[in-house]
Amino acid sequence: MENQFQQNQNIEKPKSKFWKFALGFVAIIFVFGIIIFYGYPKYQDWKFSKELKELAQELDRPYLEDTYGGKTPKETLELFIAAIEKEDFELASKYFVLSKQGEWKSELIEINNLNKIDVFLKPIKEEIIKLRDNDVKWMNNDKYISEGPILFNLIKYPQGIWKIQEI
């Protein structure tokens, strides 16, 4: 009888080990599942955020690398006029915001071909004489809009230069 009892105990031990192993395995799978369930979406959010920042930096690069413009709206307009007077319409167009440079280069060439440059420049020159470099209207802002008969709309780029948005 004693021999039978020992055999039953021997049988019980492997079953006990099996259930401990099975329970441990299920617990590991459960923990791993929770990590995947909660961690993967967070990883995807982090990855998307990182890619979005990289894309924003890539899109901002042309604006940050653009060095054409003055430290004041008046200086930018003076540089613009000087370039036109030299008939350097490529340079003159670079004083505009990036999205308008091609359009203004073509426009300036067309105005020049029609011999209307002096007519185009006269009111602009008259207006910039009125501008002061210490004008409060633009000193504390990133935008300048003139109030004269000619509309000047200039904006300040991140690196501190002023670009013509509209004339």
N, C-alpha and C. Protein backbone atom coordinates (compact mmCIF):
# COMPACT_ATOMS: atom_id res chain seq x y z
N MET A 1 0.81 -1.16 0.00
CA MET A 1 0.00 0.00 0.00
C MET A 1 0.86 1.25 0.00
N GLU A 2 1.86 1.14 0.74
CA GLU A 2 2.78 2.27 0.80
C GLU A 2 3.41 2.52 -0.57
N ASN A 3 3.68 1.49 -1.26
CA ASN A 3 4.26 1.61 -2.59
C ASN A 3 3.30 2.32 -3.54
N GLN A 4 2.03 2.05 -3.42
CA GLN A 4 1.02 2.70 -4.25
C GLN A 4 0.93 4.18 -3.90
N PHE A 5 1.03 4.52 -2.66
CA PHE A 5 0.97 5.91 -2.21
C PHE A 5 2.13 6.70 -2.79
N GLN A 6 3.31 6.12 -2.82
CA GLN A 6 4.47 6.79 -3.39
C GLN A 6 4.29 6.97 -4.89
N GLN A 7 3.70 6.03 -5.55
CA GLN A 7 3.47 6.17 -6.98
C GLN A 7 2.49 7.30 -7.24
N ASN A 8 1.47 7.45 -6.43
CA ASN A 8 0.50 8.54 -6.58
C ASN A 8 1.17 9.90 -6.36
N GLN A 9 2.07 9.96 -5.40
CA GLN A 9 2.79 11.22 -5.14
C GLN A 9 3.69 11.57 -6.31
N ASN A 10 4.34 10.57 -6.87
CA ASN A 10 5.20 10.80 -8.03
C ASN A 10 4.38 11.30 -9.22
N ILE A 11 3.20 10.81 -9.36
CA ILE A 11 2.33 11.24 -10.45
C ILE A 11 1.86 12.67 -10.20
N GLU A 12 1.58 13.03 -8.97
CA GLU A 12 1.12 14.35 -8.62
C GLU A 12 2.20 15.41 -8.87
N LYS A 13 3.45 15.11 -8.62
CA LYS A 13 4.51 16.08 -8.79
C LYS A 13 4.62 16.56 -10.23
N PRO A 14 4.64 15.68 -11.22
CA PRO A 14 4.72 16.17 -12.59
C PRO A 14 3.49 17.00 -12.97
N LYS A 15 2.32 16.61 -12.52
CA LYS A 15 1.13 17.40 -12.82
C LYS A 15 1.26 18.79 -12.20
N SER A 16 1.75 18.87 -11.00
CA SER A 16 1.93 20.14 -10.31
C SER A 16 2.91 21.02 -11.07
N LYS A 17 4.01 20.43 -11.52
CA LYS A 17 5.00 21.20 -12.29
C LYS A 17 4.40 21.67 -13.61
N PHE A 18 3.61 20.83 -14.24
CA PHE A 18 2.99 21.20 -15.51
C PHE A 18 2.07 22.40 -15.34
N TRP A 19 1.26 22.38 -14.26
CA TRP A 19 0.32 23.48 -14.05
C TRP A 19 1.06 24.77 -13.70
N LYS A 20 2.12 24.67 -12.96
CA LYS A 20 2.91 25.86 -12.65
C LYS A 20 3.51 26.44 -13.93
N PHE A 21 4.04 25.55 -14.77
CA PHE A 21 4.62 25.98 -16.03
C PHE A 21 3.54 26.62 -16.92
N ALA A 22 2.40 25.96 -17.00
CA ALA A 22 1.31 26.45 -17.84
C ALA A 22 0.81 27.81 -17.35
N LEU A 23 0.65 27.94 -16.05
CA LEU A 23 0.20 29.20 -15.46
C LEU A 23 1.23 30.31 -15.71
N GLY A 24 2.49 30.00 -15.54
CA GLY A 24 3.55 30.97 -15.82
C GLY A 24 3.56 31.39 -17.27
N PHE A 25 3.40 30.42 -18.17
CA PHE A 25 3.37 30.70 -19.60
C PHE A 25 2.18 31.59 -19.95
N VAL A 26 1.02 31.29 -19.41
CA VAL A 26 -0.18 32.10 -19.66
C VAL A 26 0.02 33.51 -19.10
N ALA A 27 0.63 33.62 -17.94
CA ALA A 27 0.88 34.94 -17.35
C ALA A 27 1.83 35.75 -18.23
N ILE A 28 2.85 35.11 -18.75
CA ILE A 28 3.80 35.81 -19.63
C ILE A 28 3.09 36.26 -20.90
N ILE A 29 2.29 35.40 -21.48
CA ILE A 29 1.52 35.75 -22.69
C ILE A 29 0.58 36.91 -22.38
N PHE A 30 -0.08 36.87 -21.22
CA PHE A 30 -1.01 37.92 -20.82
C PHE A 30 -0.28 39.26 -20.68
N VAL A 31 0.84 39.26 -19.97
CA VAL A 31 1.62 40.49 -19.79
C VAL A 31 2.12 41.01 -21.14
N PHE A 32 2.61 40.10 -21.97
CA PHE A 32 3.09 40.48 -23.30
C PHE A 32 1.94 41.09 -24.11
N GLY A 33 0.76 40.51 -24.02
CA GLY A 33 -0.42 41.02 -24.73
C GLY A 33 -0.78 42.43 -24.27
N ILE A 34 -0.73 42.65 -22.97
CA ILE A 34 -1.03 43.98 -22.44
C ILE A 34 0.00 45.00 -22.93
N ILE A 35 1.25 44.61 -22.91
CA ILE A 35 2.31 45.51 -23.40
C ILE A 35 2.06 45.84 -24.87
N ILE A 36 1.75 44.85 -25.66
CA ILE A 36 1.47 45.07 -27.08
C ILE A 36 0.23 45.95 -27.24
N PHE A 37 -0.82 45.62 -26.51
CA PHE A 37 -2.10 46.33 -26.64
C PHE A 37 -1.95 47.81 -26.30
N TYR A 38 -1.23 48.14 -25.23
CA TYR A 38 -1.07 49.53 -24.82
C TYR A 38 0.19 50.18 -25.40
N GLY A 39 1.22 49.42 -25.55
CA GLY A 39 2.50 49.97 -25.99
C GLY A 39 2.57 50.26 -27.48
N TYR A 40 2.01 49.40 -28.30
CA TYR A 40 2.13 49.58 -29.75
C TYR A 40 1.47 50.88 -30.23
N PRO A 41 0.25 51.19 -29.78
CA PRO A 41 -0.33 52.48 -30.20
C PRO A 41 0.51 53.68 -29.75
N LYS A 42 1.07 53.59 -28.55
CA LYS A 42 1.93 54.68 -28.08
C LYS A 42 3.17 54.79 -28.95
N TYR A 43 3.73 53.66 -29.34
CA TYR A 43 4.89 53.66 -30.24
C TYR A 43 4.51 54.29 -31.58
N GLN A 44 3.35 53.91 -32.10
CA GLN A 44 2.90 54.47 -33.38
C GLN A 44 2.70 55.99 -33.27
N ASP A 45 2.14 56.46 -32.16
CA ASP A 45 1.97 57.91 -31.94
C ASP A 45 3.33 58.61 -31.91
N TRP A 46 4.26 58.03 -31.19
CA TRP A 46 5.61 58.61 -31.09
C TRP A 46 6.26 58.65 -32.47
N LYS A 47 6.14 57.56 -33.22
CA LYS A 47 6.74 57.49 -34.55
C LYS A 47 6.10 58.52 -35.48
N PHE A 48 4.79 58.65 -35.43
CA PHE A 48 4.08 59.63 -36.27
C PHE A 48 4.49 61.05 -35.90
N SER A 49 4.58 61.32 -34.62
CA SER A 49 4.99 62.65 -34.15
C SER A 49 6.40 62.99 -34.63
N LYS A 50 7.29 62.02 -34.56
CA LYS A 50 8.67 62.23 -35.01
C LYS A 50 8.70 62.52 -36.51
N GLU A 51 7.96 61.74 -37.29
CA GLU A 51 7.92 61.95 -38.74
C GLU A 51 7.30 63.29 -39.08
N LEU A 52 6.30 63.71 -38.32
CA LEU A 52 5.65 65.00 -38.54
C LEU A 52 6.61 66.15 -38.28
N LYS A 53 7.41 66.04 -37.21
CA LYS A 53 8.41 67.06 -36.90
C LYS A 53 9.46 67.15 -38.00
N GLU A 54 9.89 66.00 -38.50
CA GLU A 54 10.88 65.98 -39.57
C GLU A 54 10.33 66.61 -40.84
N LEU A 55 9.07 66.33 -41.14
CA LEU A 55 8.42 66.92 -42.31
C LEU A 55 8.30 68.43 -42.16
N ALA A 56 7.91 68.88 -40.97
CA ALA A 56 7.79 70.32 -40.72
C ALA A 56 9.14 71.01 -40.88
N GLN A 57 10.20 70.38 -40.38
CA GLN A 57 11.54 70.96 -40.53
C GLN A 57 11.93 71.03 -42.00
N GLU A 58 11.59 70.01 -42.75
CA GLU A 58 11.91 69.99 -44.18
C GLU A 58 11.14 71.08 -44.93
N LEU A 59 9.88 71.28 -44.55
CA LEU A 59 9.07 72.31 -45.19
C LEU A 59 9.53 73.72 -44.79
N ASP A 60 10.04 73.88 -43.58
CA ASP A 60 10.51 75.18 -43.11
C ASP A 60 11.90 75.53 -43.63
N ARG A 61 12.63 74.55 -44.08
CA ARG A 61 14.02 74.76 -44.50
C ARG A 61 14.18 75.89 -45.51
N PRO A 62 13.38 75.95 -46.60
CA PRO A 62 13.57 77.04 -47.56
C PRO A 62 13.38 78.42 -46.94
N TYR A 63 12.46 78.52 -45.99
CA TYR A 63 12.21 79.80 -45.34
C TYR A 63 13.38 80.19 -44.42
N LEU A 64 13.96 79.21 -43.78
CA LEU A 64 15.08 79.48 -42.89
C LEU A 64 16.37 79.75 -43.66
N GLU A 65 16.50 79.19 -44.84
CA GLU A 65 17.70 79.38 -45.64
C GLU A 65 17.63 80.63 -46.52
N ASP A 66 16.46 81.23 -46.64
CA ASP A 66 16.28 82.43 -47.46
C ASP A 66 16.90 83.63 -46.74
N THR A 67 17.88 84.26 -47.36
CA THR A 67 18.60 85.37 -46.71
C THR A 67 18.34 86.70 -47.40
N TYR A 68 17.49 86.72 -48.41
CA TYR A 68 17.23 87.96 -49.14
C TYR A 68 16.17 88.77 -48.42
N GLY A 69 16.53 89.97 -48.03
CA GLY A 69 15.60 90.86 -47.35
C GLY A 69 16.35 91.76 -46.41
N GLY A 70 15.70 92.82 -45.99
CA GLY A 70 16.32 93.78 -45.09
C GLY A 70 15.93 93.54 -43.65
N LYS A 71 16.60 94.28 -42.77
CA LYS A 71 16.30 94.17 -41.34
C LYS A 71 15.05 94.97 -40.97
N THR A 72 14.61 95.83 -41.89
CA THR A 72 13.39 96.61 -41.69
C THR A 72 12.57 96.55 -42.98
N PRO A 73 11.28 96.86 -42.91
CA PRO A 73 10.49 96.91 -44.14
C PRO A 73 11.06 97.93 -45.14
N LYS A 74 11.48 99.08 -44.64
CA LYS A 74 12.05 100.11 -45.51
C LYS A 74 13.29 99.60 -46.23
N GLU A 75 14.17 98.95 -45.51
CA GLU A 75 15.40 98.42 -46.11
C GLU A 75 15.08 97.39 -47.19
N THR A 76 14.11 96.54 -46.96
CA THR A 76 13.72 95.54 -47.96
C THR A 76 13.21 96.23 -49.23
N LEU A 77 12.38 97.25 -49.06
CA LEU A 77 11.85 97.97 -50.22
C LEU A 77 12.97 98.71 -50.96
N GLU A 78 13.92 99.25 -50.23
CA GLU A 78 15.06 99.93 -50.87
C GLU A 78 15.91 98.93 -51.66
N LEU A 79 16.14 97.75 -51.11
CA LEU A 79 16.88 96.72 -51.83
C LEU A 79 16.13 96.26 -53.07
N PHE A 80 14.83 96.16 -52.95
CA PHE A 80 13.96 95.77 -54.07
C PHE A 80 14.07 96.79 -55.20
N ILE A 81 13.98 98.07 -54.87
CA ILE A 81 14.08 99.14 -55.87
C ILE A 81 15.46 99.16 -56.51
N ALA A 82 16.51 99.01 -55.71
CA ALA A 82 17.88 99.01 -56.24
C ALA A 82 18.07 97.87 -57.25
N ALA A 83 17.52 96.71 -56.95
CA ALA A 83 17.64 95.57 -57.87
C ALA A 83 16.89 95.84 -59.18
N ILE A 84 15.72 96.45 -59.08
CA ILE A 84 14.96 96.77 -60.29
C ILE A 84 15.70 97.80 -61.13
N GLU A 85 16.28 98.80 -60.49
CA GLU A 85 17.01 99.84 -61.22
C GLU A 85 18.23 99.27 -61.94
N LYS A 86 18.78 98.19 -61.41
CA LYS A 86 19.91 97.50 -62.08
C LYS A 86 19.39 96.49 -63.11
N GLU A 87 18.08 96.40 -63.24
CA GLU A 87 17.41 95.44 -64.12
C GLU A 87 17.77 93.99 -63.76
N ASP A 88 17.97 93.77 -62.48
CA ASP A 88 18.20 92.41 -61.97
C ASP A 88 16.88 91.91 -61.37
N PHE A 89 16.02 91.45 -62.27
CA PHE A 89 14.67 91.06 -61.85
C PHE A 89 14.66 89.76 -61.06
N GLU A 90 15.67 88.94 -61.28
CA GLU A 90 15.83 87.72 -60.49
C GLU A 90 16.05 88.09 -59.02
N LEU A 91 16.98 89.02 -58.79
CA LEU A 91 17.26 89.47 -57.42
C LEU A 91 16.06 90.21 -56.84
N ALA A 92 15.46 91.06 -57.63
CA ALA A 92 14.30 91.83 -57.14
C ALA A 92 13.18 90.89 -56.69
N SER A 93 12.97 89.82 -57.42
CA SER A 93 11.89 88.89 -57.05
C SER A 93 12.20 88.15 -55.75
N LYS A 94 13.48 88.03 -55.39
CA LYS A 94 13.86 87.32 -54.17
C LYS A 94 13.50 88.09 -52.90
N TYR A 95 13.11 89.35 -53.03
CA TYR A 95 12.67 90.11 -51.87
C TYR A 95 11.21 89.86 -51.54
N PHE A 96 10.55 89.05 -52.36
CA PHE A 96 9.18 88.64 -52.10
C PHE A 96 9.19 87.33 -51.32
N VAL A 97 8.06 87.02 -50.70
CA VAL A 97 7.91 85.73 -50.03
C VAL A 97 8.11 84.64 -51.07
N LEU A 98 8.55 83.48 -50.64
CA LEU A 98 8.90 82.40 -51.56
C LEU A 98 7.79 82.04 -52.54
N SER A 99 6.57 82.03 -52.09
CA SER A 99 5.47 81.61 -52.94
C SER A 99 5.16 82.59 -54.07
N LYS A 100 5.67 83.82 -53.97
CA LYS A 100 5.36 84.84 -54.98
C LYS A 100 6.56 85.20 -55.86
N GLN A 101 7.71 84.60 -55.62
CA GLN A 101 8.91 85.01 -56.34
C GLN A 101 8.83 84.78 -57.84
N GLY A 102 8.38 83.63 -58.26
CA GLY A 102 8.27 83.34 -59.69
C GLY A 102 7.29 84.26 -60.38
N GLU A 103 6.17 84.48 -59.73
CA GLU A 103 5.12 85.35 -60.26
C GLU A 103 5.66 86.78 -60.45
N TRP A 104 6.36 87.29 -59.45
CA TRP A 104 6.87 88.66 -59.53
C TRP A 104 8.04 88.80 -60.49
N LYS A 105 8.83 87.78 -60.63
CA LYS A 105 9.92 87.85 -61.62
C LYS A 105 9.32 88.04 -63.01
N SER A 106 8.32 87.25 -63.35
CA SER A 106 7.65 87.38 -64.65
C SER A 106 6.99 88.75 -64.79
N GLU A 107 6.34 89.19 -63.74
CA GLU A 107 5.66 90.49 -63.75
C GLU A 107 6.64 91.63 -63.98
N LEU A 108 7.77 91.60 -63.30
CA LEU A 108 8.78 92.66 -63.44
C LEU A 108 9.39 92.66 -64.84
N ILE A 109 9.62 91.49 -65.39
CA ILE A 109 10.15 91.40 -66.77
C ILE A 109 9.14 91.98 -67.75
N GLU A 110 7.88 91.66 -67.53
CA GLU A 110 6.83 92.19 -68.41
C GLU A 110 6.72 93.71 -68.30
N ILE A 111 6.78 94.24 -67.08
CA ILE A 111 6.73 95.69 -66.89
C ILE A 111 7.93 96.35 -67.57
N ASN A 112 9.08 95.72 -67.46
CA ASN A 112 10.28 96.25 -68.11
C ASN A 112 10.13 96.23 -69.64
N ASN A 113 9.59 95.16 -70.19
CA ASN A 113 9.40 95.04 -71.63
C ASN A 113 8.43 96.09 -72.16
N LEU A 114 7.49 96.51 -71.30
CA LEU A 114 6.53 97.56 -71.69
C LEU A 114 7.08 98.96 -71.42
N ASN A 115 8.34 99.05 -70.97
CA ASN A 115 8.99 100.32 -70.61
C ASN A 115 8.18 101.08 -69.56
N LYS A 116 7.65 100.36 -68.58
CA LYS A 116 6.83 100.97 -67.53
C LYS A 116 7.50 100.89 -66.16
N ILE A 117 8.79 100.58 -66.10
CA ILE A 117 9.48 100.44 -64.81
C ILE A 117 9.43 101.74 -64.02
N ASP A 118 9.68 102.88 -64.70
CA ASP A 118 9.66 104.17 -63.99
C ASP A 118 8.27 104.47 -63.43
N VAL A 119 7.25 104.14 -64.20
CA VAL A 119 5.87 104.35 -63.75
C VAL A 119 5.57 103.45 -62.54
N PHE A 120 6.09 102.23 -62.58
CA PHE A 120 5.90 101.28 -61.49
C PHE A 120 6.64 101.73 -60.23
N LEU A 121 7.87 102.22 -60.39
CA LEU A 121 8.70 102.56 -59.23
C LEU A 121 8.36 103.89 -58.58
N LYS A 122 7.85 104.85 -59.35
CA LYS A 122 7.63 106.20 -58.81
C LYS A 122 6.78 106.21 -57.53
N PRO A 123 5.59 105.62 -57.52
CA PRO A 123 4.79 105.66 -56.28
C PRO A 123 5.43 104.87 -55.13
N ILE A 124 6.17 103.82 -55.49
CA ILE A 124 6.83 103.03 -54.44
C ILE A 124 7.92 103.88 -53.77
N LYS A 125 8.70 104.57 -54.58
CA LYS A 125 9.76 105.44 -54.04
C LYS A 125 9.17 106.54 -53.17
N GLU A 126 8.06 107.12 -53.60
CA GLU A 126 7.41 108.17 -52.82
C GLU A 126 6.94 107.65 -51.47
N GLU A 127 6.43 106.45 -51.45
CA GLU A 127 5.94 105.87 -50.20
C GLU A 127 7.07 105.50 -49.24
N ILE A 128 8.18 104.97 -49.74
CA ILE A 128 9.23 104.56 -48.81
C ILE A 128 9.96 105.75 -48.21
N ILE A 129 9.86 106.91 -48.86
CA ILE A 129 10.43 108.12 -48.26
C ILE A 129 9.71 108.40 -46.93
N LYS A 130 8.43 108.08 -46.88
CA LYS A 130 7.62 108.32 -45.67
C LYS A 130 7.91 107.32 -44.56
N LEU A 131 8.45 106.17 -44.91
CA LEU A 131 8.73 105.15 -43.90
C LEU A 131 9.93 105.56 -43.06
N ARG A 132 9.85 105.27 -41.78
CA ARG A 132 10.98 105.52 -40.88
C ARG A 132 11.46 104.18 -40.36
N ASP A 133 12.76 104.06 -40.19
CA ASP A 133 13.32 102.80 -39.70
C ASP A 133 12.90 102.49 -38.26
N ASN A 134 12.52 103.49 -37.50
CA ASN A 134 12.12 103.26 -36.12
C ASN A 134 10.61 103.34 -35.96
N ASP A 135 9.89 103.06 -37.01
CA ASP A 135 8.43 103.12 -37.01
C ASP A 135 7.86 102.04 -36.08
N VAL A 136 7.05 102.47 -35.14
CA VAL A 136 6.47 101.57 -34.13
C VAL A 136 5.54 100.54 -34.77
N LYS A 137 4.99 100.84 -35.92
CA LYS A 137 4.03 99.94 -36.57
C LYS A 137 4.64 98.57 -36.85
N TRP A 138 5.90 98.50 -37.11
CA TRP A 138 6.51 97.21 -37.45
C TRP A 138 7.49 96.71 -36.41
N MET A 139 7.96 97.60 -35.55
CA MET A 139 9.03 97.20 -34.62
C MET A 139 8.64 96.03 -33.73
N ASN A 140 7.42 96.00 -33.25
CA ASN A 140 7.02 94.97 -32.30
C ASN A 140 6.14 93.89 -32.93
N ASN A 141 6.05 93.91 -34.24
CA ASN A 141 5.19 92.95 -34.94
C ASN A 141 5.99 92.18 -35.98
N ASP A 142 5.35 91.18 -36.53
CA ASP A 142 5.97 90.41 -37.60
C ASP A 142 5.31 90.72 -38.93
N LYS A 143 4.53 91.80 -38.97
CA LYS A 143 3.82 92.16 -40.19
C LYS A 143 3.78 93.67 -40.30
N TYR A 144 3.91 94.17 -41.52
CA TYR A 144 3.80 95.61 -41.76
C TYR A 144 2.88 95.83 -42.95
N ILE A 145 1.89 96.68 -42.78
CA ILE A 145 0.99 97.06 -43.86
C ILE A 145 1.00 98.57 -43.91
N SER A 146 1.34 99.11 -45.09
CA SER A 146 1.41 100.57 -45.23
C SER A 146 0.01 101.16 -45.26
N GLU A 147 -0.05 102.46 -45.02
CA GLU A 147 -1.34 103.14 -45.01
C GLU A 147 -1.47 104.15 -46.14
N GLY A 148 -0.48 104.25 -47.00
CA GLY A 148 -0.51 105.22 -48.10
C GLY A 148 -1.31 104.73 -49.28
N PRO A 149 -1.21 105.48 -50.41
CA PRO A 149 -1.96 105.10 -51.61
C PRO A 149 -1.46 103.77 -52.22
N ILE A 150 -0.22 103.42 -51.95
CA ILE A 150 0.32 102.13 -52.41
C ILE A 150 0.28 101.18 -51.22
N LEU A 151 -0.26 100.00 -51.44
CA LEU A 151 -0.33 99.02 -50.36
C LEU A 151 0.95 98.21 -50.34
N PHE A 152 1.64 98.26 -49.20
CA PHE A 152 2.79 97.41 -48.96
C PHE A 152 2.40 96.45 -47.86
N ASN A 153 2.60 95.20 -48.11
CA ASN A 153 2.33 94.20 -47.10
C ASN A 153 3.61 93.38 -46.97
N LEU A 154 4.30 93.55 -45.85
CA LEU A 154 5.55 92.83 -45.63
C LEU A 154 5.42 91.98 -44.37
N ILE A 155 6.14 90.86 -44.37
CA ILE A 155 6.16 90.00 -43.19
C ILE A 155 7.60 89.72 -42.79
N LYS A 156 7.76 89.42 -41.53
CA LYS A 156 9.09 89.12 -40.99
C LYS A 156 9.28 87.61 -40.95
N TYR A 157 10.36 87.15 -41.58
CA TYR A 157 10.71 85.74 -41.57
C TYR A 157 11.36 85.37 -40.24
N PRO A 158 11.40 84.08 -39.91
CA PRO A 158 11.94 83.65 -38.61
C PRO A 158 13.37 84.11 -38.33
N GLN A 159 14.20 84.25 -39.36
CA GLN A 159 15.58 84.66 -39.12
C GLN A 159 15.72 86.17 -39.03
N GLY A 160 14.60 86.92 -39.05
CA GLY A 160 14.64 88.36 -38.80
C GLY A 160 14.67 89.24 -40.04
N ILE A 161 14.52 88.66 -41.23
CA ILE A 161 14.49 89.50 -42.43
C ILE A 161 13.04 89.75 -42.84
N TRP A 162 12.84 90.88 -43.50
CA TRP A 162 11.52 91.25 -43.97
C TRP A 162 11.38 90.91 -45.44
N LYS A 163 10.22 90.35 -45.80
CA LYS A 163 9.93 89.95 -47.17
C LYS A 163 8.63 90.64 -47.60
N ILE A 164 8.59 91.00 -48.89
CA ILE A 164 7.39 91.63 -49.45
C ILE A 164 6.36 90.53 -49.71
N GLN A 165 5.18 90.72 -49.18
CA GLN A 165 4.11 89.76 -49.42
C GLN A 165 3.22 90.27 -50.55
N GLU A 166 3.07 91.61 -50.60
CA GLU A 166 2.19 92.18 -51.60
C GLU A 166 2.55 93.63 -51.84
N ILE A 167 2.45 94.04 -53.09
CA ILE A 167 2.57 95.47 -53.43
C ILE A 167 1.34 95.81 -54.23
